[in-house]
């Protein structure tokens, strides 16, 4: 049923796979950037609560940016 929907829309299986590979790369890079920023904050004297809050904010903003970039 899923493949019939994509056949109806006109998306080939290759385009479908390329989209999800690129989406996975973008999500992984978002996570890597957030972790690197968290490690950078660990070197400074920032309270753990603030570090956690900044990490969650970075994940949220990266996800929002990803959502906006794929919005039609």
PDB file of N, CA and C in Angstrom:
ATOM      1  N   UNK A   1       0.823  -1.186   0.000  1.00  0.00           N
ATOM      2  CA  UNK A   1       0.000   0.000   0.000  1.00  0.00           C
ATOM      3  C   UNK A   1       0.875   1.261   0.000  1.00  0.00           C
ATOM      4  N   UNK A   2       1.956   1.231   0.763  1.00  0.00           N
ATOM      5  CA  UNK A   2       2.852   2.387   0.807  1.00  0.00           C
ATOM      6  C   UNK A   2       3.473   2.641  -0.561  1.00  0.00           C
ATOM      7  N   UNK A   3       3.860   1.556  -1.250  1.00  0.00           N
ATOM      8  CA  UNK A   3       4.481   1.721  -2.552  1.00  0.00           C
ATOM      9  C   UNK A   3       3.476   2.225  -3.579  1.00  0.00           C
ATOM     10  N   UNK A   4       2.221   1.801  -3.465  1.00  0.00           N
ATOM     11  CA  UNK A   4       1.193   2.286  -4.387  1.00  0.00           C
ATOM     12  C   UNK A   4       0.978   3.784  -4.203  1.00  0.00           C
ATOM     13  N   UNK A   5       1.027   4.258  -2.971  1.00  0.00           N
ATOM     14  CA  UNK A   5       0.880   5.688  -2.709  1.00  0.00           C
ATOM     15  C   UNK A   5       2.009   6.460  -3.377  1.00  0.00           C
ATOM     16  N   UNK A   6       3.231   5.966  -3.264  1.00  0.00           N
ATOM     17  CA  UNK A   6       4.349   6.665  -3.877  1.00  0.00           C
ATOM     18  C   UNK A   6       4.327   6.551  -5.393  1.00  0.00           C
ATOM     19  N   UNK A   7       3.799   5.450  -5.918  1.00  0.00           N
ATOM     20  CA  UNK A   7       3.640   5.354  -7.365  1.00  0.00           C
ATOM     21  C   UNK A   7       2.612   6.368  -7.851  1.00  0.00           C
ATOM     22  N   UNK A   8       1.570   6.574  -7.063  1.00  0.00           N
ATOM     23  CA  UNK A   8       0.536   7.546  -7.424  1.00  0.00           C
ATOM     24  C   UNK A   8       1.097   8.970  -7.427  1.00  0.00           C
ATOM     25  N   UNK A   9       1.918   9.276  -6.444  1.00  0.00           N
ATOM     26  CA  UNK A   9       2.500  10.614  -6.345  1.00  0.00           C
ATOM     27  C   UNK A   9       3.560  10.822  -7.427  1.00  0.00           C
ATOM     28  N   UNK A  10       4.182   9.769  -7.871  1.00  0.00           N
ATOM     29  CA  UNK A  10       5.191   9.877  -8.913  1.00  0.00           C
ATOM     30  C   UNK A  10       6.607   9.838  -8.384  1.00  0.00           C
ATOM     31  N   UNK A  11       6.787   9.386  -7.154  1.00  0.00           N
ATOM     32  CA  UNK A  11       8.111   9.295  -6.556  1.00  0.00           C
ATOM     33  C   UNK A  11       8.617   7.870  -6.749  1.00  0.00           C
ATOM     34  N   UNK A  12       9.815   7.742  -7.286  1.00  0.00           N
ATOM     35  CA  UNK A  12      10.366   6.409  -7.475  1.00  0.00           C
ATOM     36  C   UNK A  12      11.001   5.922  -6.176  1.00  0.00           C
ATOM     37  N   UNK A  13      11.291   4.648  -6.129  1.00  0.00           N
ATOM     38  CA  UNK A  13      11.880   4.056  -4.937  1.00  0.00           C
ATOM     39  C   UNK A  13      13.267   4.641  -4.661  1.00  0.00           C
ATOM     40  N   UNK A  14      14.019   4.948  -5.704  1.00  0.00           N
ATOM     41  CA  UNK A  14      15.351   5.539  -5.529  1.00  0.00           C
ATOM     42  C   UNK A  14      15.236   6.913  -4.871  1.00  0.00           C
ATOM     43  N   UNK A  15      14.290   7.732  -5.333  1.00  0.00           N
ATOM     44  CA  UNK A  15      14.100   9.052  -4.729  1.00  0.00           C
ATOM     45  C   UNK A  15      13.679   8.927  -3.271  1.00  0.00           C
ATOM     46  N   UNK A  16      12.841   7.938  -3.000  1.00  0.00           N
ATOM     47  CA  UNK A  16      12.388   7.667  -1.635  1.00  0.00           C
ATOM     48  C   UNK A  16      13.578   7.325  -0.739  1.00  0.00           C
ATOM     49  N   UNK A  17      14.465   6.449  -1.201  1.00  0.00           N
ATOM     50  CA  UNK A  17      15.634   6.053  -0.415  1.00  0.00           C
ATOM     51  C   UNK A  17      16.622   7.208  -0.252  1.00  0.00           C
ATOM     52  N   UNK A  18      16.834   7.981  -1.302  1.00  0.00           N
ATOM     53  CA  UNK A  18      17.749   9.120  -1.222  1.00  0.00           C
ATOM     54  C   UNK A  18      17.239  10.133  -0.207  1.00  0.00           C
ATOM     55  N   UNK A  19      15.926  10.374  -0.206  1.00  0.00           N
ATOM     56  CA  UNK A  19      15.341  11.309   0.750  1.00  0.00           C
ATOM     57  C   UNK A  19      15.613  10.857   2.180  1.00  0.00           C
ATOM     58  N   UNK A  20      15.390   9.572   2.472  1.00  0.00           N
ATOM     59  CA  UNK A  20      15.584   9.106   3.838  1.00  0.00           C
ATOM     60  C   UNK A  20      17.054   9.021   4.227  1.00  0.00           C
ATOM     61  N   UNK A  21      17.933   8.767   3.280  1.00  0.00           N
ATOM     62  CA  UNK A  21      19.369   8.795   3.581  1.00  0.00           C
ATOM     63  C   UNK A  21      19.798  10.218   3.930  1.00  0.00           C
ATOM     64  N   UNK A  22      19.362  11.186   3.137  1.00  0.00           N
ATOM     65  CA  UNK A  22      19.692  12.587   3.436  1.00  0.00           C
ATOM     66  C   UNK A  22      19.073  13.040   4.751  1.00  0.00           C
ATOM     67  N   UNK A  23      17.857  12.616   5.018  1.00  0.00           N
ATOM     68  CA  UNK A  23      17.210  12.958   6.282  1.00  0.00           C
ATOM     69  C   UNK A  23      17.987  12.375   7.458  1.00  0.00           C
ATOM     70  N   UNK A  24      18.458  11.138   7.331  1.00  0.00           N
ATOM     71  CA  UNK A  24      19.256  10.516   8.382  1.00  0.00           C
ATOM     72  C   UNK A  24      20.568  11.245   8.609  1.00  0.00           C
ATOM     73  N   UNK A  25      21.201  11.678   7.529  1.00  0.00           N
ATOM     74  CA  UNK A  25      22.455  12.426   7.657  1.00  0.00           C
ATOM     75  C   UNK A  25      22.218  13.754   8.361  1.00  0.00           C
ATOM     76  N   UNK A  26      21.140  14.436   8.015  1.00  0.00           N
ATOM     77  CA  UNK A  26      20.838  15.718   8.658  1.00  0.00           C
ATOM     78  C   UNK A  26      20.520  15.551  10.138  1.00  0.00           C
ATOM     79  N   UNK A  27      19.777  14.514  10.483  1.00  0.00           N
ATOM     80  CA  UNK A  27      19.451  14.271  11.894  1.00  0.00           C
ATOM     81  C   UNK A  27      20.712  13.911  12.672  1.00  0.00           C
ATOM     82  N   UNK A  28      21.573  13.077  12.075  1.00  0.00           N
ATOM     83  CA  UNK A  28      22.817  12.701  12.750  1.00  0.00           C
ATOM     84  C   UNK A  28      23.730  13.913  12.938  1.00  0.00           C
ATOM     85  N   UNK A  29      23.808  14.774  11.932  1.00  0.00           N
ATOM     86  CA  UNK A  29      24.659  15.956  12.084  1.00  0.00           C
ATOM     87  C   UNK A  29      24.097  16.906  13.133  1.00  0.00           C
ATOM     88  N   UNK A  30      22.772  16.991  13.234  1.00  0.00           N
ATOM     89  CA  UNK A  30      22.142  17.807  14.273  1.00  0.00           C
ATOM     90  C   UNK A  30      22.524  17.284  15.656  1.00  0.00           C
ATOM     91  N   UNK A  31      22.490  15.982  15.827  1.00  0.00           N
ATOM     92  CA  UNK A  31      22.844  15.378  17.108  1.00  0.00           C
ATOM     93  C   UNK A  31      24.325  15.582  17.419  1.00  0.00           C
ATOM     94  N   UNK A  32      25.182  15.436  16.429  1.00  0.00           N
ATOM     95  CA  UNK A  32      26.622  15.627  16.634  1.00  0.00           C
ATOM     96  C   UNK A  32      26.922  17.068  17.043  1.00  0.00           C
ATOM     97  N   UNK A  33      26.278  18.021  16.397  1.00  0.00           N
ATOM     98  CA  UNK A  33      26.494  19.431  16.750  1.00  0.00           C
ATOM     99  C   UNK A  33      26.047  19.704  18.176  1.00  0.00           C
ATOM    100  N   UNK A  34      24.900  19.138  18.577  1.00  0.00           N
ATOM    101  CA  UNK A  34      24.409  19.345  19.942  1.00  0.00           C
ATOM    102  C   UNK A  34      25.353  18.710  20.966  1.00  0.00           C
ATOM    103  N   UNK A  35      25.879  17.522  20.661  1.00  0.00           N
ATOM    104  CA  UNK A  35      26.801  16.853  21.589  1.00  0.00           C
ATOM    105  C   UNK A  35      28.116  17.627  21.685  1.00  0.00           C
ATOM    106  N   UNK A  36      28.625  18.123  20.560  1.00  0.00           N
ATOM    107  CA  UNK A  36      29.860  18.916  20.597  1.00  0.00           C
ATOM    108  C   UNK A  36      29.676  20.193  21.410  1.00  0.00           C
ATOM    109  N   UNK A  37      28.519  20.833  21.269  1.00  0.00           N
ATOM    110  CA  UNK A  37      28.254  22.028  22.064  1.00  0.00           C
ATOM    111  C   UNK A  37      28.152  21.676  23.545  1.00  0.00           C
ATOM    112  N   UNK A  38      27.566  20.519  23.849  1.00  0.00           N
ATOM    113  CA  UNK A  38      27.468  20.072  25.243  1.00  0.00           C
ATOM    114  C   UNK A  38      28.860  19.836  25.829  1.00  0.00           C
ATOM    115  N   UNK A  39      29.739  19.200  25.030  1.00  0.00           N
ATOM    116  CA  UNK A  39      31.104  18.955  25.508  1.00  0.00           C
ATOM    117  C   UNK A  39      31.874  20.261  25.697  1.00  0.00           C
ATOM    118  N   UNK A  40      31.625  21.233  24.816  1.00  0.00           N
ATOM    119  CA  UNK A  40      32.273  22.538  24.956  1.00  0.00           C
ATOM    120  C   UNK A  40      31.818  23.218  26.250  1.00  0.00           C
ATOM    121  N   UNK A  41      30.538  23.064  26.585  1.00  0.00           N
ATOM    122  CA  UNK A  41      30.020  23.652  27.814  1.00  0.00           C
ATOM    123  C   UNK A  41      30.546  22.922  29.041  1.00  0.00           C
ATOM    124  N   UNK A  42      30.912  21.658  28.901  1.00  0.00           N
ATOM    125  CA  UNK A  42      31.447  20.890  30.020  1.00  0.00           C
ATOM    126  C   UNK A  42      32.796  21.456  30.455  1.00  0.00           C
ATOM    127  N   UNK A  43      33.556  21.973  29.495  1.00  0.00           N
ATOM    128  CA  UNK A  43      34.864  22.548  29.833  1.00  0.00           C
ATOM    129  C   UNK A  43      34.724  23.841  30.625  1.00  0.00           C
ATOM    130  N   UNK A  44      33.618  24.540  30.417  1.00  0.00           N
ATOM    131  CA  UNK A  44      33.368  25.766  31.180  1.00  0.00           C
ATOM    132  C   UNK A  44      32.663  25.405  32.480  1.00  0.00           C
ATOM    133  N   UNK A  45      32.609  26.331  33.385  1.00  0.00           N
ATOM    134  CA  UNK A  45      31.937  26.081  34.666  1.00  0.00           C
ATOM    135  C   UNK A  45      30.470  26.480  34.566  1.00  0.00           C
ATOM    136  N   UNK A  46      29.701  25.639  33.899  1.00  0.00           N
ATOM    137  CA  UNK A  46      28.260  25.867  33.760  1.00  0.00           C
ATOM    138  C   UNK A  46      27.557  24.794  34.584  1.00  0.00           C
ATOM    139  N   UNK A  47      26.529  25.155  35.334  1.00  0.00           N
ATOM    140  CA  UNK A  47      25.814  24.157  36.133  1.00  0.00           C
ATOM    141  C   UNK A  47      25.192  23.077  35.239  1.00  0.00           C
ATOM    142  N   UNK A  48      25.092  21.840  35.750  1.00  0.00           N
ATOM    143  CA  UNK A  48      24.536  20.743  34.949  1.00  0.00           C
ATOM    144  C   UNK A  48      23.121  21.016  34.435  1.00  0.00           C
ATOM    145  N   UNK A  49      22.308  21.694  35.246  1.00  0.00           N
ATOM    146  CA  UNK A  49      20.948  22.001  34.796  1.00  0.00           C
ATOM    147  C   UNK A  49      20.964  22.894  33.561  1.00  0.00           C
ATOM    148  N   UNK A  50      21.845  23.870  33.564  1.00  0.00           N
ATOM    149  CA  UNK A  50      21.950  24.789  32.425  1.00  0.00           C
ATOM    150  C   UNK A  50      22.487  24.065  31.193  1.00  0.00           C
ATOM    151  N   UNK A  51      23.463  23.159  31.395  1.00  0.00           N
ATOM    152  CA  UNK A  51      23.994  22.392  30.271  1.00  0.00           C
ATOM    153  C   UNK A  51      22.911  21.533  29.648  1.00  0.00           C
ATOM    154  N   UNK A  52      22.103  20.872  30.485  1.00  0.00           N
ATOM    155  CA  UNK A  52      21.014  20.030  29.993  1.00  0.00           C
ATOM    156  C   UNK A  52      19.985  20.872  29.244  1.00  0.00           C
ATOM    157  N   UNK A  53      19.668  22.036  29.791  1.00  0.00           N
ATOM    158  CA  UNK A  53      18.698  22.928  29.156  1.00  0.00           C
ATOM    159  C   UNK A  53      19.212  23.392  27.790  1.00  0.00           C
ATOM    160  N   UNK A  54      20.489  23.738  27.723  1.00  0.00           N
ATOM    161  CA  UNK A  54      21.072  24.165  26.447  1.00  0.00           C
ATOM    162  C   UNK A  54      21.098  23.022  25.434  1.00  0.00           C
ATOM    163  N   UNK A  55      21.383  21.797  25.898  1.00  0.00           N
ATOM    164  CA  UNK A  55      21.406  20.638  25.007  1.00  0.00           C
ATOM    165  C   UNK A  55      20.019  20.396  24.415  1.00  0.00           C
ATOM    166  N   UNK A  56      18.997  20.431  25.263  1.00  0.00           N
ATOM    167  CA  UNK A  56      17.626  20.213  24.788  1.00  0.00           C
ATOM    168  C   UNK A  56      17.219  21.329  23.833  1.00  0.00           C
ATOM    169  N   UNK A  57      17.625  22.558  24.143  1.00  0.00           N
ATOM    170  CA  UNK A  57      17.316  23.690  23.263  1.00  0.00           C
ATOM    171  C   UNK A  57      17.990  23.511  21.903  1.00  0.00           C
ATOM    172  N   UNK A  58      19.242  23.044  21.892  1.00  0.00           N
ATOM    173  CA  UNK A  58      19.945  22.821  20.626  1.00  0.00           C
ATOM    174  C   UNK A  58      19.273  21.732  19.800  1.00  0.00           C
ATOM    175  N   UNK A  59      18.850  20.652  20.456  1.00  0.00           N
ATOM    176  CA  UNK A  59      18.148  19.581  19.745  1.00  0.00           C
ATOM    177  C   UNK A  59      16.834  20.113  19.176  1.00  0.00           C
ATOM    178  N   UNK A  60      16.087  20.865  19.984  1.00  0.00           N
ATOM    179  CA  UNK A  60      14.802  21.404  19.524  1.00  0.00           C
ATOM    180  C   UNK A  60      14.991  22.364  18.354  1.00  0.00           C
ATOM    181  N   UNK A  61      15.949  23.284  18.469  1.00  0.00           N
ATOM    182  CA  UNK A  61      16.166  24.246  17.390  1.00  0.00           C
ATOM    183  C   UNK A  61      16.663  23.564  16.114  1.00  0.00           C
ATOM    184  N   UNK A  62      17.503  22.552  16.261  1.00  0.00           N
ATOM    185  CA  UNK A  62      17.955  21.808  15.088  1.00  0.00           C
ATOM    186  C   UNK A  62      16.821  21.054  14.427  1.00  0.00           C
ATOM    187  N   UNK A  63      15.934  20.460  15.233  1.00  0.00           N
ATOM    188  CA  UNK A  63      14.778  19.752  14.685  1.00  0.00           C
ATOM    189  C   UNK A  63      13.821  20.725  14.011  1.00  0.00           C
ATOM    190  N   UNK A  64      13.629  21.884  14.623  1.00  0.00           N
ATOM    191  CA  UNK A  64      12.754  22.897  14.030  1.00  0.00           C
ATOM    192  C   UNK A  64      13.333  23.392  12.707  1.00  0.00           C
ATOM    193  N   UNK A  65      14.635  23.601  12.671  1.00  0.00           N
ATOM    194  CA  UNK A  65      15.295  24.032  11.440  1.00  0.00           C
ATOM    195  C   UNK A  65      15.154  22.969  10.358  1.00  0.00           C
ATOM    196  N   UNK A  66      15.294  21.708  10.739  1.00  0.00           N
ATOM    197  CA  UNK A  66      15.128  20.606   9.799  1.00  0.00           C
ATOM    198  C   UNK A  66      13.702  20.570   9.264  1.00  0.00           C
ATOM    199  N   UNK A  67      12.728  20.762  10.143  1.00  0.00           N
ATOM    200  CA  UNK A  67      11.321  20.763   9.744  1.00  0.00           C
ATOM    201  C   UNK A  67      11.034  21.909   8.773  1.00  0.00           C
ATOM    202  N   UNK A  68      11.549  23.086   9.088  1.00  0.00           N
ATOM    203  CA  UNK A  68      11.317  24.250   8.228  1.00  0.00           C
ATOM    204  C   UNK A  68      11.989  24.068   6.860  1.00  0.00           C
ATOM    205  N   UNK A  69      13.156  23.453   6.835  1.00  0.00           N
ATOM    206  CA  UNK A  69      13.856  23.296   5.560  1.00  0.00           C
ATOM    207  C   UNK A  69      13.152  22.308   4.636  1.00  0.00           C
ATOM    208  N   UNK A  70      12.384  21.359   5.186  1.00  0.00           N
ATOM    209  CA  UNK A  70      11.653  20.407   4.352  1.00  0.00           C
ATOM    210  C   UNK A  70      10.205  20.816   4.136  1.00  0.00           C
ATOM    211  N   UNK A  71       9.779  21.942   4.706  1.00  0.00           N
ATOM    212  CA  UNK A  71       8.394  22.387   4.533  1.00  0.00           C
ATOM    213  C   UNK A  71       8.196  22.848   3.085  1.00  0.00           C
ATOM    214  N   UNK A  72       7.111  22.426   2.456  1.00  0.00           N
ATOM    215  CA  UNK A  72       6.918  22.793   1.026  1.00  0.00           C
ATOM    216  C   UNK A  72       6.703  24.269   0.804  1.00  0.00           C
TER     217      UNK A  72
END
